């Protein structure tokens, strides 16, 4: 892109790429406008780097605050997919939950972004009497977790996730647990 002489870049899709390319664009005074949510993207301090959406810190606080104030629970789990995005978002949400009065994160786990075997986790969540699961797992992982929870008869829970569960696949979760909620830094008007 630099060699082609572009004057601006709208991108990249994810923070990992945006963070790596920002210094390259900045060195040539090329504006970069991205939807990358990692706070580090704009913390690099380049005058050419612009974010169009909320960063992970704001979204994590919103997730934790919503879970603490709107879901009427006392015992929480925080799960992530092991990616920098998912782990950072879950850590931030867990911190916000701990900051809220009488909110306890009793299970905190990381997985990779392909794991779908959650029988052991479901038993652990039931034993810990978890009311709300804050998750940054992908939609197919969240559905596998809900199936595992159903197997151990622990369905009186709510699942609150990030935009990785803001998919039509999650309609399969209807009736599996008390509620499924998704947050997102990017919404179209029709959503």
Protein backbone atom coordinates (compact mmCIF):
# COMPACT_ATOMS: atom_id res chain seq x y z
CA UNK A 1 0.00 0.00 0.00
CA UNK A 2 2.81 2.40 0.85
CA UNK A 3 4.65 1.57 -2.36
CA UNK A 4 1.41 2.07 -4.30
CA UNK A 5 1.22 5.64 -2.96
CA UNK A 6 -2.04 5.49 -1.01
CA UNK A 7 -2.86 8.53 1.10
CA UNK A 8 -5.12 6.73 3.59
CA UNK A 9 -5.96 3.21 4.73
CA UNK A 10 -9.32 2.15 6.10
CA UNK A 11 -8.25 -0.91 8.05
CA UNK A 12 -7.22 -3.30 9.22
CA UNK A 13 -9.87 -5.69 10.47
CA UNK A 14 -8.16 -6.71 13.69
CA UNK A 15 -5.90 -5.08 16.22
CA UNK A 16 -2.95 -7.40 15.69
CA UNK A 17 -2.55 -6.28 12.09
CA UNK A 18 -3.46 -2.65 12.76
CA UNK A 19 -0.87 -2.33 15.54
CA UNK A 20 1.86 -3.84 13.36
CA UNK A 21 1.10 -1.65 10.36
CA UNK A 22 0.55 1.66 12.20
CA UNK A 23 4.27 2.56 12.41
CA UNK A 24 4.72 1.82 8.70
CA UNK A 25 1.86 4.14 7.73
CA UNK A 26 2.91 6.80 10.24
CA UNK A 27 6.44 6.88 8.84
CA UNK A 28 4.97 7.91 5.48
CA UNK A 29 2.28 10.19 6.96
CA UNK A 30 -0.54 7.91 5.74
CA UNK A 31 -3.78 8.16 7.72
CA UNK A 32 -5.05 4.86 9.13
CA UNK A 33 -8.69 4.54 10.18
CA UNK A 34 -9.55 1.20 11.80
CA UNK A 35 -12.13 -0.64 13.87
CA UNK A 36 -9.34 -2.23 15.91
CA UNK A 37 -10.32 -2.27 19.58
CA UNK A 38 -7.05 -3.01 21.39
CA UNK A 39 -6.17 0.13 23.42
CA UNK A 40 -2.53 -0.18 22.32
CA UNK A 41 -3.51 0.73 18.75
CA UNK A 42 -4.04 4.39 19.57
CA UNK A 43 -1.67 4.39 22.55
CA UNK A 44 1.17 4.09 20.02
CA UNK A 45 0.73 7.85 19.76
CA UNK A 46 0.83 8.30 15.99
CA UNK A 47 -1.00 11.36 14.69
CA UNK A 48 -2.05 9.28 11.67
CA UNK A 49 -3.84 6.55 13.67
CA UNK A 50 -7.61 6.76 14.24
CA UNK A 51 -10.11 4.36 15.83
CA UNK A 52 -13.78 4.38 14.76
CA UNK A 53 -15.19 2.35 17.68
CA UNK A 54 -14.89 1.97 21.44
CA UNK A 55 -11.75 0.27 22.66
CA UNK A 56 -11.58 -2.97 24.65
CA UNK A 57 -11.18 -1.13 27.95
CA UNK A 58 -14.52 0.64 27.53
CA UNK A 59 -16.28 -2.49 26.30
CA UNK A 60 -14.87 -4.57 29.19
CA UNK A 61 -16.10 -2.02 31.73
CA UNK A 62 -19.52 -2.02 30.06
CA UNK A 63 -19.68 -5.83 30.16
CA UNK A 64 -18.70 -5.95 33.84
CA UNK A 65 -21.01 -3.12 34.80
CA UNK A 66 -23.99 -4.58 32.94
CA UNK A 67 -23.39 -8.02 34.44
CA UNK A 68 -23.11 -6.56 37.93
CA UNK A 69 -26.05 -4.18 37.81
CA UNK A 70 -28.57 -5.72 35.42
CA UNK A 71 -28.36 -9.47 35.93
CA UNK A 72 -28.97 -9.66 39.70
CA UNK A 73 -26.29 -12.24 40.44
CA UNK A 74 -23.62 -12.70 43.08
CA UNK A 75 -21.35 -15.42 41.64
CA UNK A 76 -19.71 -15.06 38.26
CA UNK A 77 -17.42 -16.93 35.91
CA UNK A 78 -15.14 -15.19 33.41
CA UNK A 79 -14.05 -17.26 30.41
CA UNK A 80 -11.94 -16.33 27.41
CA UNK A 81 -10.70 -17.79 24.14
CA UNK A 82 -7.00 -17.21 24.85
CA UNK A 83 -6.60 -14.55 22.16
CA UNK A 84 -5.27 -11.10 23.10
CA UNK A 85 -8.73 -9.68 22.30
CA UNK A 86 -10.70 -12.26 24.29
CA UNK A 87 -8.34 -12.44 27.25
CA UNK A 88 -8.10 -8.67 27.58
CA UNK A 89 -11.85 -8.23 27.39
CA UNK A 90 -12.55 -10.98 29.96
CA UNK A 91 -9.84 -9.68 32.32
CA UNK A 92 -11.29 -6.16 32.13
CA UNK A 93 -14.83 -7.40 32.72
CA UNK A 94 -13.65 -9.48 35.70
CA UNK A 95 -11.88 -6.43 37.16
CA UNK A 96 -15.06 -4.37 36.79
CA UNK A 97 -17.11 -7.10 38.45
CA UNK A 98 -14.70 -7.21 41.39
CA UNK A 99 -15.01 -3.43 41.71
CA UNK A 100 -18.78 -3.74 42.04
CA UNK A 101 -20.17 -4.33 45.52
CA UNK A 102 -20.57 -8.01 46.48
CA UNK A 103 -19.71 -9.39 43.04
CA UNK A 104 -17.41 -12.39 43.05
CA UNK A 105 -15.65 -14.03 40.12
CA UNK A 106 -15.45 -17.62 41.42
CA UNK A 107 -14.25 -19.24 38.18
CA UNK A 108 -11.70 -17.64 35.82
CA UNK A 109 -10.50 -19.79 32.90
CA UNK A 110 -8.77 -19.40 29.55
CA UNK A 111 -9.11 -21.79 26.63
CA UNK A 112 -7.87 -21.71 23.08
CA UNK A 113 -10.18 -20.43 20.36
CA UNK A 114 -11.04 -23.95 19.14
CA UNK A 115 -11.98 -25.76 22.37
CA UNK A 116 -15.48 -27.22 22.41
CA UNK A 117 -15.14 -29.89 25.14
CA UNK A 118 -16.69 -28.19 28.16
CA UNK A 119 -18.15 -31.05 30.25
CA UNK A 120 -15.55 -30.61 33.02
CA UNK A 121 -16.05 -26.83 33.02
CA UNK A 122 -19.84 -27.22 33.20
CA UNK A 123 -19.47 -29.39 36.30
CA UNK A 124 -17.12 -26.82 37.83
CA UNK A 125 -19.56 -23.98 37.11
CA UNK A 126 -22.39 -25.94 38.70
CA UNK A 127 -20.31 -26.82 41.77
CA UNK A 128 -19.33 -23.15 42.16
CA UNK A 129 -23.02 -22.15 41.86
CA UNK A 130 -22.24 -19.64 39.10
CA UNK A 131 -25.17 -17.37 38.18
CA UNK A 132 -23.63 -15.43 35.28
CA UNK A 133 -20.97 -16.45 32.79
CA UNK A 134 -19.03 -13.59 31.23
CA UNK A 135 -17.50 -15.08 28.12
CA UNK A 136 -15.37 -14.06 25.19
CA UNK A 137 -15.60 -17.50 23.62
CA UNK A 138 -16.69 -17.77 19.99
CA UNK A 139 -20.32 -18.54 19.19
CA UNK A 140 -19.69 -22.24 18.47
CA UNK A 141 -17.80 -22.52 21.76
CA UNK A 142 -20.54 -20.77 23.71
CA UNK A 143 -23.11 -23.14 22.24
CA UNK A 144 -20.96 -26.14 23.19
CA UNK A 145 -20.69 -24.76 26.73
CA UNK A 146 -24.46 -24.29 26.96
CA UNK A 147 -24.98 -27.89 25.82
CA UNK A 148 -22.55 -29.06 28.51
CA UNK A 149 -24.42 -27.00 31.11
CA UNK A 150 -27.68 -28.61 30.02
CA UNK A 151 -26.13 -32.07 30.51
CA UNK A 152 -25.34 -31.27 34.16
CA UNK A 153 -28.69 -29.53 34.68
CA UNK A 154 -27.19 -26.11 35.38
CA UNK A 155 -29.33 -23.92 33.16
CA UNK A 156 -30.42 -21.24 35.64
CA UNK A 157 -27.60 -19.02 34.40
CA UNK A 158 -27.11 -16.13 32.03
CA UNK A 159 -24.37 -15.86 29.45
CA UNK A 160 -22.95 -12.44 28.64
CA UNK A 161 -20.46 -12.28 25.80
CA UNK A 162 -18.72 -9.93 23.46
CA UNK A 163 -19.33 -9.52 19.76
CA UNK A 164 -18.05 -13.06 19.04
CA UNK A 165 -21.49 -14.32 20.09
CA UNK A 166 -23.39 -11.60 18.26
CA UNK A 167 -24.25 -14.02 15.47
CA UNK A 168 -27.32 -15.70 14.07
CA UNK A 169 -25.88 -19.04 15.26
CA UNK A 170 -26.63 -17.99 18.82
CA UNK A 171 -30.37 -18.21 18.13
CA UNK A 172 -29.81 -21.92 18.84
CA UNK A 173 -29.25 -20.91 22.48
CA UNK A 174 -32.87 -19.87 22.93
CA UNK A 175 -34.35 -21.76 25.86
CA UNK A 176 -31.05 -23.36 26.87
CA UNK A 177 -30.34 -20.93 29.74
CA UNK A 178 -32.09 -18.00 31.42
CA UNK A 179 -30.60 -15.44 29.07
CA UNK A 180 -27.93 -14.70 26.49
CA UNK A 181 -26.58 -11.17 26.09
CA UNK A 182 -23.99 -9.79 23.67
CA UNK A 183 -22.11 -6.52 23.64
CA UNK A 184 -20.39 -4.95 20.69
CA UNK A 185 -18.36 -1.85 19.95
CA UNK A 186 -19.90 -1.80 16.47
CA UNK A 187 -23.63 -1.96 15.74
CA UNK A 188 -25.55 -1.32 12.56
CA UNK A 189 -28.74 0.67 12.95
CA UNK A 190 -30.87 -2.41 12.17
CA UNK A 191 -29.32 -4.25 15.12
